[in-house]
Amino acid sequence: DARARMAIDDFCDEAEQDIADEGDHMVFAQLGRVLKHPTGYYESQVHVDQVGELQTVTDDDVIYGDWLEGVSDRNRTTRFKGYMTFRKVAQRLDRKAPRIAARTLRRFLRRMS
């Protein structure tokens, strides 16, 4: 019947959400390590957002977010080259994603048996 197919679809959605949530936590933790004088505003704007069918971690296009990341035109003309928080976290999250998905899969295997 269609229960297995539904469980697979649900697993994919849930695994993607779990990975995105972990990315959100990782960005927040990294910002806690690198921001020199945090006001809390920037961190409050970081969240998981649905973009099409994908989950993504975003800073909600905070005006100085590109500068903090190091991808602004301003970074080329100042000493500050950015924290590269999202890029560093994305690399670490790519390595962690299979373990996160495997943990999520265990919950769904019970449903399929």
C-alpha atoms as a PDB file:
ATOM      1  CA  ASP A   1       0.000   0.000   0.000  1.00  0.00           C
ATOM      2  CA  ALA A   2       0.986   3.649   0.003  1.00  0.00           C
ATOM      3  CA  ARG A   3       2.066   3.814   3.653  1.00  0.00           C
ATOM      4  CA  ALA A   4       5.735   3.203   2.872  1.00  0.00           C
ATOM      5  CA  ARG A   5       5.751   5.882   0.158  1.00  0.00           C
ATOM      6  CA  MET A   6       4.076   8.341   2.530  1.00  0.00           C
ATOM      7  CA  ALA A   7       6.600   7.482   5.249  1.00  0.00           C
ATOM      8  CA  ILE A   8       9.476   8.098   2.816  1.00  0.00           C
ATOM      9  CA  ASP A   9       8.037  11.465   1.808  1.00  0.00           C
ATOM     10  CA  ASP A  10       7.489  12.378   5.453  1.00  0.00           C
ATOM     11  CA  PHE A  11      11.038  11.257   6.280  1.00  0.00           C
ATOM     12  CA  CYS A  12      12.511  13.483   3.572  1.00  0.00           C
ATOM     13  CA  ASP A  13      10.560  16.488   4.849  1.00  0.00           C
ATOM     14  CA  GLU A  14      11.419  15.778   8.467  1.00  0.00           C
ATOM     15  CA  ALA A  15      15.109  15.117   7.768  1.00  0.00           C
ATOM     16  CA  GLU A  16      15.359  18.379   5.836  1.00  0.00           C
ATOM     17  CA  GLN A  17      13.717  20.235   8.727  1.00  0.00           C
ATOM     18  CA  ASP A  18      16.013  18.558  11.289  1.00  0.00           C
ATOM     19  CA  ILE A  19      19.089  19.481   9.247  1.00  0.00           C
ATOM     20  CA  ALA A  20      17.886  23.070   8.829  1.00  0.00           C
ATOM     21  CA  ASP A  21      17.158  23.352  12.565  1.00  0.00           C
ATOM     22  CA  GLU A  22      20.664  22.108  13.339  1.00  0.00           C
ATOM     23  CA  GLY A  23      22.054  24.687  10.903  1.00  0.00           C
ATOM     24  CA  ASP A  24      20.087  27.401  12.683  1.00  0.00           C
ATOM     25  CA  HIS A  25      21.573  26.332  16.041  1.00  0.00           C
ATOM     26  CA  MET A  26      25.057  26.181  14.552  1.00  0.00           C
ATOM     27  CA  VAL A  27      24.805  29.697  13.053  1.00  0.00           C
ATOM     28  CA  PHE A  28      23.572  31.075  16.362  1.00  0.00           C
ATOM     29  CA  ALA A  29      26.433  29.382  18.248  1.00  0.00           C
ATOM     30  CA  GLN A  30      29.012  30.604  15.728  1.00  0.00           C
ATOM     31  CA  LEU A  31      27.713  34.164  15.973  1.00  0.00           C
ATOM     32  CA  GLY A  32      28.073  33.916  19.733  1.00  0.00           C
ATOM     33  CA  ARG A  33      31.757  33.151  19.234  1.00  0.00           C
ATOM     34  CA  VAL A  34      32.581  35.800  16.611  1.00  0.00           C
ATOM     35  CA  LEU A  35      30.441  38.886  17.257  1.00  0.00           C
ATOM     36  CA  LYS A  36      32.437  41.385  19.308  1.00  0.00           C
ATOM     37  CA  HIS A  37      29.605  43.621  20.576  1.00  0.00           C
ATOM     38  CA  PRO A  38      26.326  41.814  19.895  1.00  0.00           C
ATOM     39  CA  THR A  39      23.099  43.705  20.453  1.00  0.00           C
ATOM     40  CA  GLY A  40      20.945  40.633  19.916  1.00  0.00           C
ATOM     41  CA  TYR A  41      19.174  42.087  16.909  1.00  0.00           C
ATOM     42  CA  TYR A  42      21.147  40.284  14.237  1.00  0.00           C
ATOM     43  CA  GLU A  43      20.937  36.952  16.033  1.00  0.00           C
ATOM     44  CA  SER A  44      17.172  37.440  16.439  1.00  0.00           C
ATOM     45  CA  GLN A  45      16.800  37.659  12.655  1.00  0.00           C
ATOM     46  CA  VAL A  46      18.496  34.323  11.943  1.00  0.00           C
ATOM     47  CA  HIS A  47      15.910  31.604  11.392  1.00  0.00           C
ATOM     48  CA  VAL A  48      14.862  28.703   9.174  1.00  0.00           C
ATOM     49  CA  ASP A  49      12.824  29.804   6.176  1.00  0.00           C
ATOM     50  CA  GLN A  50      10.954  27.847   3.505  1.00  0.00           C
ATOM     51  CA  VAL A  51      12.223  28.751   0.018  1.00  0.00           C
ATOM     52  CA  GLY A  52      10.229  26.846  -2.551  1.00  0.00           C
ATOM     53  CA  GLU A  53      10.452  23.264  -1.375  1.00  0.00           C
ATOM     54  CA  LEU A  54      13.721  23.792   0.490  1.00  0.00           C
ATOM     55  CA  GLN A  55      14.462  24.784   4.055  1.00  0.00           C
ATOM     56  CA  THR A  56      17.178  27.410   4.377  1.00  0.00           C
ATOM     57  CA  VAL A  57      18.803  29.296   7.232  1.00  0.00           C
ATOM     58  CA  THR A  58      18.683  33.035   6.631  1.00  0.00           C
ATOM     59  CA  ASP A  59      19.334  36.323   8.360  1.00  0.00           C
ATOM     60  CA  ASP A  60      16.147  37.712   6.816  1.00  0.00           C
ATOM     61  CA  ASP A  61      18.217  40.057   4.619  1.00  0.00           C
ATOM     62  CA  VAL A  62      19.375  42.261   7.478  1.00  0.00           C
ATOM     63  CA  ILE A  63      20.950  45.288   5.820  1.00  0.00           C
ATOM     64  CA  TYR A  64      24.429  44.633   7.246  1.00  0.00           C
ATOM     65  CA  GLY A  65      24.237  40.841   6.969  1.00  0.00           C
ATOM     66  CA  ASP A  66      26.291  40.735   3.774  1.00  0.00           C
ATOM     67  CA  TRP A  67      28.970  42.846   5.459  1.00  0.00           C
ATOM     68  CA  LEU A  68      29.097  40.517   8.481  1.00  0.00           C
ATOM     69  CA  GLU A  69      29.320  37.533   6.137  1.00  0.00           C
ATOM     70  CA  GLY A  70      32.063  39.197   4.090  1.00  0.00           C
ATOM     71  CA  VAL A  71      30.324  39.363   0.720  1.00  0.00           C
ATOM     72  CA  SER A  72      29.523  43.081   0.654  1.00  0.00           C
ATOM     73  CA  ASP A  73      31.286  45.596  -1.588  1.00  0.00           C
ATOM     74  CA  ARG A  74      32.265  47.307   1.641  1.00  0.00           C
ATOM     75  CA  ASN A  75      34.398  44.317   2.657  1.00  0.00           C
ATOM     76  CA  ARG A  76      36.677  44.997  -0.312  1.00  0.00           C
ATOM     77  CA  THR A  77      37.469  48.511   0.844  1.00  0.00           C
ATOM     78  CA  THR A  78      37.798  47.982   4.611  1.00  0.00           C
ATOM     79  CA  ARG A  79      40.008  45.854   6.846  1.00  0.00           C
ATOM     80  CA  PHE A  80      37.016  43.802   7.977  1.00  0.00           C
ATOM     81  CA  LYS A  81      36.726  40.811   5.668  1.00  0.00           C
ATOM     82  CA  GLY A  82      33.686  39.258   7.362  1.00  0.00           C
ATOM     83  CA  TYR A  83      33.066  36.347   9.679  1.00  0.00           C
ATOM     84  CA  MET A  84      31.960  33.923   6.937  1.00  0.00           C
ATOM     85  CA  THR A  85      29.551  32.417   9.459  1.00  0.00           C
ATOM     86  CA  PHE A  86      27.020  31.006   7.015  1.00  0.00           C
ATOM     87  CA  ARG A  87      29.688  29.590   4.703  1.00  0.00           C
ATOM     88  CA  LYS A  88      31.600  27.915   7.528  1.00  0.00           C
ATOM     89  CA  VAL A  89      28.436  26.519   9.084  1.00  0.00           C
ATOM     90  CA  ALA A  90      27.226  25.251   5.695  1.00  0.00           C
ATOM     91  CA  GLN A  91      30.456  23.289   5.249  1.00  0.00           C
ATOM     92  CA  ARG A  92      30.222  21.770   8.729  1.00  0.00           C
ATOM     93  CA  LEU A  93      26.514  21.067   8.291  1.00  0.00           C
ATOM     94  CA  ASP A  94      27.159  19.255   4.994  1.00  0.00           C
ATOM     95  CA  ARG A  95      29.407  16.866   6.909  1.00  0.00           C
ATOM     96  CA  LYS A  96      26.862  16.400   9.728  1.00  0.00           C
ATOM     97  CA  ALA A  97      23.774  16.045   7.510  1.00  0.00           C
ATOM     98  CA  PRO A  98      24.073  12.278   6.894  1.00  0.00           C
ATOM     99  CA  ARG A  99      24.191  11.597  10.655  1.00  0.00           C
ATOM    100  CA  ILE A 100      21.219  13.883  11.289  1.00  0.00           C
ATOM    101  CA  ALA A 101      19.228  12.197   8.508  1.00  0.00           C
ATOM    102  CA  ALA A 102      20.142   8.738   9.846  1.00  0.00           C
ATOM    103  CA  ARG A 103      18.856   9.719  13.281  1.00  0.00           C
ATOM    104  CA  THR A 104      15.613  10.949  11.691  1.00  0.00           C
ATOM    105  CA  LEU A 105      15.324   7.772   9.595  1.00  0.00           C
ATOM    106  CA  ARG A 106      15.249   5.559  12.699  1.00  0.00           C
ATOM    107  CA  ARG A 107      11.959   7.187  13.738  1.00  0.00           C
ATOM    108  CA  PHE A 108      10.440   6.503  10.323  1.00  0.00           C
ATOM    109  CA  LEU A 109      11.618   2.911  10.006  1.00  0.00           C
ATOM    110  CA  ARG A 110       9.399   2.010  12.954  1.00  0.00           C
ATOM    111  CA  ARG A 111       6.417   3.454  11.059  1.00  0.00           C
ATOM    112  CA  MET A 112       7.207   1.412   7.967  1.00  0.00           C
ATOM    113  CA  SER A 113       7.530  -1.940   9.703  1.00  0.00           C
END
